[in-house]
Protein backbone atom coordinates (compact mmCIF):
# COMPACT_ATOMS: atom_id res chain seq x y z
CA MET A 1 -2.90 43.71 -46.80
CA SER A 2 -2.89 45.04 -43.25
CA THR A 3 0.42 45.98 -41.67
CA ASN A 4 -1.07 46.72 -38.25
CA PRO A 5 1.65 45.57 -35.80
CA SER A 6 -0.91 44.68 -33.14
CA LEU A 7 -2.51 42.20 -35.53
CA ALA A 8 0.88 40.72 -36.34
CA ASN A 9 1.68 40.28 -32.66
CA THR A 10 -1.68 38.62 -32.07
CA ALA A 11 -0.96 36.13 -34.83
CA THR A 12 2.36 35.11 -33.32
CA ILE A 13 0.84 34.15 -29.97
CA THR A 14 -2.17 32.25 -31.34
CA PRO A 15 -2.02 28.66 -30.05
CA ASP A 16 -1.33 25.94 -32.58
CA PHE A 17 -4.46 24.07 -31.50
CA LEU A 18 -7.80 25.01 -30.01
CA LEU A 19 -8.48 23.37 -26.65
CA THR A 20 -12.22 23.78 -26.17
CA GLU A 21 -14.04 23.44 -22.86
CA ALA A 22 -15.55 20.20 -24.14
CA ASP A 23 -12.11 18.83 -25.07
CA PHE A 24 -10.64 19.79 -21.70
CA SER A 25 -13.56 18.16 -19.87
CA ARG A 26 -13.09 14.96 -21.86
CA ILE A 27 -9.35 14.92 -21.12
CA ARG A 28 -10.01 15.37 -17.40
CA ALA A 29 -12.55 12.55 -17.44
CA LEU A 30 -10.29 10.19 -19.39
CA ILE A 31 -7.18 10.65 -17.24
CA HIS A 32 -9.28 10.26 -14.10
CA GLN A 33 -10.76 7.05 -15.46
CA ARG A 34 -7.40 5.65 -16.56
CA ALA A 35 -5.03 6.86 -13.83
CA GLY A 36 -7.15 8.33 -11.05
CA ILE A 37 -5.60 11.76 -11.61
CA ALA A 38 -7.99 14.59 -10.74
CA LEU A 39 -7.00 17.59 -12.87
CA SER A 40 -8.21 20.98 -11.68
CA GLU A 41 -9.30 23.85 -13.92
CA GLN A 42 -5.93 25.46 -13.19
CA LYS A 43 -4.13 22.65 -15.07
CA ARG A 44 -5.51 23.69 -18.45
CA GLN A 45 -2.26 25.24 -19.71
CA MET A 46 -0.24 22.25 -18.52
CA VAL A 47 -2.61 19.90 -20.34
CA TYR A 48 -2.37 21.97 -23.51
CA SER A 49 1.43 22.16 -23.54
CA ARG A 50 1.97 18.45 -22.83
CA LEU A 51 -0.65 17.03 -25.20
CA ALA A 52 0.09 19.51 -27.99
CA ARG A 53 3.36 17.62 -28.45
CA ARG A 54 1.40 14.45 -29.17
CA LEU A 55 -0.80 16.26 -31.69
CA ARG A 56 2.26 17.60 -33.51
CA GLN A 57 3.93 14.20 -33.56
CA LEU A 58 0.78 12.52 -34.86
CA LYS A 59 0.15 15.39 -37.32
CA LEU A 60 -3.35 16.00 -35.98
CA LYS A 61 -5.13 19.32 -36.33
CA GLU A 62 -7.44 19.37 -33.31
CA PHE A 63 -7.66 17.99 -29.80
CA SER A 64 -10.97 16.42 -30.76
CA ASP A 65 -9.12 14.35 -33.37
CA TYR A 66 -6.69 13.15 -30.71
CA LEU A 67 -9.44 12.26 -28.27
CA ARG A 68 -11.28 10.37 -30.99
CA LEU A 69 -8.08 8.42 -31.69
CA LEU A 70 -7.94 7.38 -28.05
CA GLU A 71 -11.58 6.50 -27.67
CA VAL A 72 -11.90 4.36 -30.81
CA ASN A 73 -8.97 2.19 -29.67
CA PRO A 74 -9.34 1.67 -25.90
CA ASN A 75 -6.42 -0.77 -25.80
CA GLY A 76 -4.11 1.17 -28.10
CA GLU A 77 -0.52 2.15 -27.31
CA GLU A 78 -1.42 5.85 -27.40
CA TRP A 79 -3.18 5.52 -24.06
CA GLN A 80 0.16 4.93 -22.32
CA LEU A 81 1.68 7.96 -24.05
CA PHE A 82 -1.38 10.01 -23.06
CA THR A 83 -0.94 8.93 -19.45
CA ASN A 84 2.82 9.52 -19.52
CA ALA A 85 2.24 13.06 -20.80
CA LEU A 86 -0.12 14.00 -17.97
CA THR A 87 1.87 12.42 -15.14
CA THR A 88 3.95 14.71 -12.91
CA ASN A 89 7.38 13.30 -12.02
CA LEU A 90 8.97 15.66 -9.50
CA THR A 91 11.54 13.77 -7.43
CA SER A 92 15.05 13.92 -5.95
CA PHE A 93 17.45 11.86 -3.88
CA PHE A 94 16.45 11.70 -0.20
CA ARG A 95 13.48 13.98 -0.78
CA GLU A 96 11.68 14.54 2.53
CA SER A 97 14.86 13.52 4.29
CA HIS A 98 13.21 13.06 7.71
CA HIS A 99 11.79 9.74 6.52
CA PHE A 100 15.08 7.97 5.92
CA PRO A 101 16.45 7.87 9.50
CA VAL A 102 13.09 6.38 10.51
CA LEU A 103 13.41 3.80 7.73
CA ALA A 104 16.96 2.95 8.85
CA GLU A 105 15.93 2.47 12.50
CA PHE A 106 12.92 0.40 11.43
CA ALA A 107 15.08 -1.78 9.16
CA ARG A 108 17.46 -2.58 12.02
CA SER A 109 14.50 -3.73 14.14
CA ARG A 110 13.13 -6.17 11.53
CA PRO A 111 14.24 -9.64 10.47
CA THR A 112 15.90 -9.69 7.08
CA PRO A 113 15.32 -9.82 4.21
CA LEU A 114 13.08 -6.77 4.03
CA ARG A 115 10.60 -6.09 1.25
CA VAL A 116 9.88 -2.46 0.39
CA TRP A 117 7.44 -1.20 -2.23
CA CYS A 118 8.05 2.23 -3.74
CA SER A 119 4.75 2.79 -5.55
CA ALA A 120 5.72 5.98 -7.42
CA ALA A 121 9.31 5.40 -8.50
CA SER A 122 9.50 8.18 -11.10
CA THR A 123 13.07 8.43 -12.47
CA GLY A 124 14.53 6.29 -9.69
CA GLU A 125 15.86 8.68 -7.08
CA GLU A 126 13.42 7.51 -4.41
CA PRO A 127 13.88 3.73 -4.72
CA TYR A 128 17.66 4.13 -4.93
CA SER A 129 17.55 6.32 -1.80
CA ILE A 130 15.64 3.53 -0.07
CA ALA A 131 18.19 0.92 -1.15
CA ILE A 132 21.10 3.12 -0.01
CA THR A 133 19.42 3.62 3.37
CA LEU A 134 19.02 -0.15 3.81
CA MET A 135 22.67 -0.72 2.90
CA GLU A 136 23.83 1.91 5.36
CA ALA A 137 21.60 0.49 8.11
CA LEU A 138 22.11 -3.24 7.54
CA GLY A 139 25.52 -3.54 5.93
CA ASN A 140 26.04 -6.86 4.14
CA GLN A 141 22.65 -8.11 5.33
CA ALA A 142 20.94 -5.59 3.05
CA ALA A 143 21.90 -7.50 -0.08
CA THR A 144 19.04 -9.98 0.34
CA SER A 145 16.42 -7.24 0.79
CA GLN A 146 14.29 -6.11 -2.13
CA VAL A 147 12.90 -2.78 -3.27
CA LEU A 148 10.06 -3.08 -5.76
CA ALA A 149 9.83 0.22 -7.65
CA THR A 150 6.71 0.80 -9.74
CA ASP A 151 5.21 3.71 -11.63
CA ILE A 152 2.41 4.28 -14.11
CA ASP A 153 4.76 6.16 -16.47
CA THR A 154 6.77 3.78 -18.66
CA HIS A 155 9.15 6.50 -19.86
CA VAL A 156 10.42 7.44 -16.39
CA LEU A 157 10.85 3.75 -15.54
CA GLU A 158 13.21 3.36 -18.50
CA VAL A 159 15.23 6.31 -17.19
CA ALA A 160 15.22 4.88 -13.66
CA ALA A 161 16.42 1.46 -14.76
CA GLU A 162 19.42 3.07 -16.47
CA GLY A 163 20.53 4.42 -13.09
CA VAL A 164 22.39 7.37 -14.64
CA PHE A 165 22.05 10.84 -13.13
CA SER A 166 23.57 14.26 -13.67
CA ASP A 167 25.90 15.77 -11.09
CA GLN A 168 23.12 18.29 -10.39
CA GLN A 169 20.64 15.53 -9.61
CA ALA A 170 23.18 13.93 -7.27
CA SER A 171 24.15 17.20 -5.59
CA LYS A 172 22.08 16.52 -2.43
CA LEU A 173 23.99 13.34 -1.70
CA ALA A 174 26.75 13.37 0.90
CA PRO A 175 30.30 12.99 -0.51
CA ASP A 176 30.72 9.61 1.17
CA GLN A 177 27.43 8.40 -0.35
CA LEU A 178 28.55 9.48 -3.81
CA LYS A 179 31.84 7.65 -3.37
CA ARG A 180 30.34 4.48 -1.93
CA PHE A 181 27.19 4.06 -3.99
CA PHE A 182 27.92 5.71 -7.37
CA LEU A 183 30.41 5.47 -10.22
CA LYS A 184 31.62 8.81 -11.54
CA GLY A 185 31.45 9.31 -15.29
CA ALA A 186 34.50 10.25 -17.35
CA GLY A 187 35.11 11.32 -20.92
CA ALA A 188 31.83 11.39 -22.82
CA HIS A 189 30.05 10.64 -19.52
CA ALA A 190 31.65 13.46 -17.54
CA GLY A 191 29.15 15.33 -15.39
CA LYS A 192 27.17 12.17 -14.71
CA VAL A 193 27.10 9.40 -12.13
CA ARG A 194 25.78 5.83 -12.31
CA ILE A 195 24.36 3.84 -9.44
CA ARG A 196 26.69 0.99 -8.47
CA PRO A 197 25.66 -2.55 -9.49
CA ASP A 198 25.25 -3.77 -5.89
CA VAL A 199 22.69 -1.01 -5.21
CA ALA A 200 20.92 -1.54 -8.53
CA ALA A 201 20.66 -5.27 -7.82
CA MET A 202 18.39 -4.53 -4.85
CA VAL A 203 15.86 -2.62 -6.96
CA THR A 204 13.37 -4.13 -9.40
CA PHE A 205 11.41 -1.79 -11.67
CA GLY A 206 7.98 -2.51 -13.11
CA GLN A 207 4.97 -0.69 -14.53
CA LEU A 208 1.92 -0.54 -12.28
CA ASN A 209 -1.19 1.61 -12.36
CA LEU A 210 -2.64 2.04 -8.88
CA LEU A 211 -6.09 2.02 -10.49
CA ASP A 212 -5.60 -1.37 -12.14
CA PRO A 213 -8.22 -3.85 -10.88
CA LYS A 214 -5.48 -6.33 -9.98
CA TRP A 215 -1.90 -5.72 -8.85
CA GLN A 216 0.63 -8.45 -9.59
CA LEU A 217 2.10 -8.36 -6.08
CA ALA A 218 2.58 -11.80 -4.62
CA GLU A 219 3.85 -11.12 -1.09
CA PRO A 220 3.25 -8.45 1.56
CA PHE A 221 5.79 -5.73 2.33
CA ASP A 222 7.53 -4.47 5.45
CA VAL A 223 7.29 -0.90 4.11
CA ILE A 224 5.23 0.88 1.48
CA PHE A 225 6.30 4.27 0.13
CA CYS A 226 3.40 6.12 -1.47
CA ARG A 227 4.62 9.70 -1.29
CA ASN A 228 3.23 12.69 -3.18
CA VAL A 229 0.88 10.45 -5.15
CA MET A 230 -2.42 10.73 -3.32
CA ILE A 231 -2.48 14.51 -3.84
CA TYR A 232 -3.42 13.84 -7.47
CA PHE A 233 -6.40 11.63 -6.53
CA ASP A 234 -9.83 12.54 -5.22
CA ARG A 235 -10.94 11.30 -1.79
CA GLU A 236 -12.85 8.30 -3.13
CA THR A 237 -9.82 7.07 -5.06
CA GLN A 238 -7.53 7.63 -2.06
CA ILE A 239 -9.75 5.47 0.15
CA LYS A 240 -9.84 2.66 -2.41
CA ILE A 241 -6.06 2.60 -2.72
CA LEU A 242 -5.51 2.72 1.05
CA GLN A 243 -7.91 -0.21 1.45
CA ARG A 244 -5.84 -2.20 -1.01
CA PHE A 245 -2.63 -1.36 0.88
CA VAL A 246 -3.92 -2.94 4.11
CA PRO A 247 -3.41 -6.64 3.19
CA LEU A 248 -0.11 -5.78 1.49
CA LEU A 249 1.54 -4.52 4.67
CA LYS A 250 3.10 -6.96 7.13
CA PRO A 251 2.26 -6.69 10.85
CA HIS A 252 3.89 -3.59 12.36
CA GLY A 253 4.85 -2.43 8.87
CA LEU A 254 5.02 1.22 7.87
CA LEU A 255 3.37 3.36 5.20
CA PHE A 256 5.25 6.54 4.23
CA ALA A 257 3.21 9.40 2.74
CA GLY A 258 4.17 12.80 1.33
CA HIS A 259 4.52 15.94 3.42
CA SER A 260 1.29 17.45 2.06
CA GLU A 261 -0.76 14.27 2.39
CA ASN A 262 -2.98 13.54 5.37
CA PHE A 263 -4.87 10.28 5.83
CA SER A 264 -6.81 11.33 8.93
CA PHE A 265 -10.01 10.56 7.01
CA ALA A 266 -8.96 6.88 6.92
CA GLN A 267 -8.11 6.19 10.56
CA HIS A 268 -10.09 2.96 10.39
CA LEU A 269 -7.34 1.79 7.99
CA PHE A 270 -4.14 3.60 9.04
CA ARG A 271 -3.13 5.51 12.14
CA PRO A 272 -0.43 8.21 12.14
CA ARG A 273 2.90 7.66 13.85
CA GLY A 274 4.11 11.20 13.11
CA LYS A 275 6.17 12.71 10.28
CA THR A 276 3.55 11.52 7.71
CA ILE A 277 4.27 7.90 8.59
CA TYR A 278 1.40 5.48 9.22
CA GLU A 279 0.81 2.01 10.60
CA LEU A 280 -2.14 -0.35 10.30
CA ALA A 281 -5.03 0.71 12.51
CA THR A 282 -5.88 -2.90 13.34
CA GLN A 283 -2.29 -3.57 14.40
CA GLN A 284 -2.28 -0.55 16.70
CA ALA A 285 -5.51 -1.72 18.26
CA LYS A 286 -4.02 -5.17 18.94
CA SER A 287 -0.85 -3.65 20.39
CA SER A 288 -2.77 -1.51 22.87
CA ALA A 289 -5.19 -4.27 23.89
């Protein structure tokens, strides 16, 4: 038996599963088909680490076995877990803070109640930030407004609906916001805060895939937040989603995008107002006529 230490070290770093080029290509194709996410070659390690957990849990030996499991049952529950695993959920309270004063000013200029759609709710920080902004801007009138918070990832929606956050997650909030809009945990819940019931009552959570052929959205919105979502889609998918946003936005409504997103390629649909905020191109044309 060999006692060569270099061989021993090699054995310890061997991956549990082999992710072949063919497997990786199939994964990229499947997540693009299901969720519109365009994974680059540089995401290979991320894909391995996230999906390897599913293989271990299912006691599978190869990625090809896992992919076969998905493909033979196109309506199976594993598809949601597959999508959850490959979805990125980076968020925080009042992320891209320059948007919220604009939202507050806009809210004061509109008749109430307002309807806001947060199309990538993640663990809830963004939709709760929207609700807090409306309450600060409108006072008691905000109670009738609604924030619809959707996401493709069912796991993060469960976390969001709980409305419980660590002190670290809430650290960007101003002291008066923490006092007014959150309950501080004690005892077994020390180090955590919970969103107050009056804020939570404004927010409705639901699962929605932006690639679904039909969205169950009955009425148009005053504001749509679609921030740091389009960066995961290719240009063709971005255009399709923006086209579907057009009839869902009320006249003079606003679309908020992420700081690294630019919709200049779709100026026939949306025109920039600055600070990665957009309005309907047709509405701007009417206003300037």
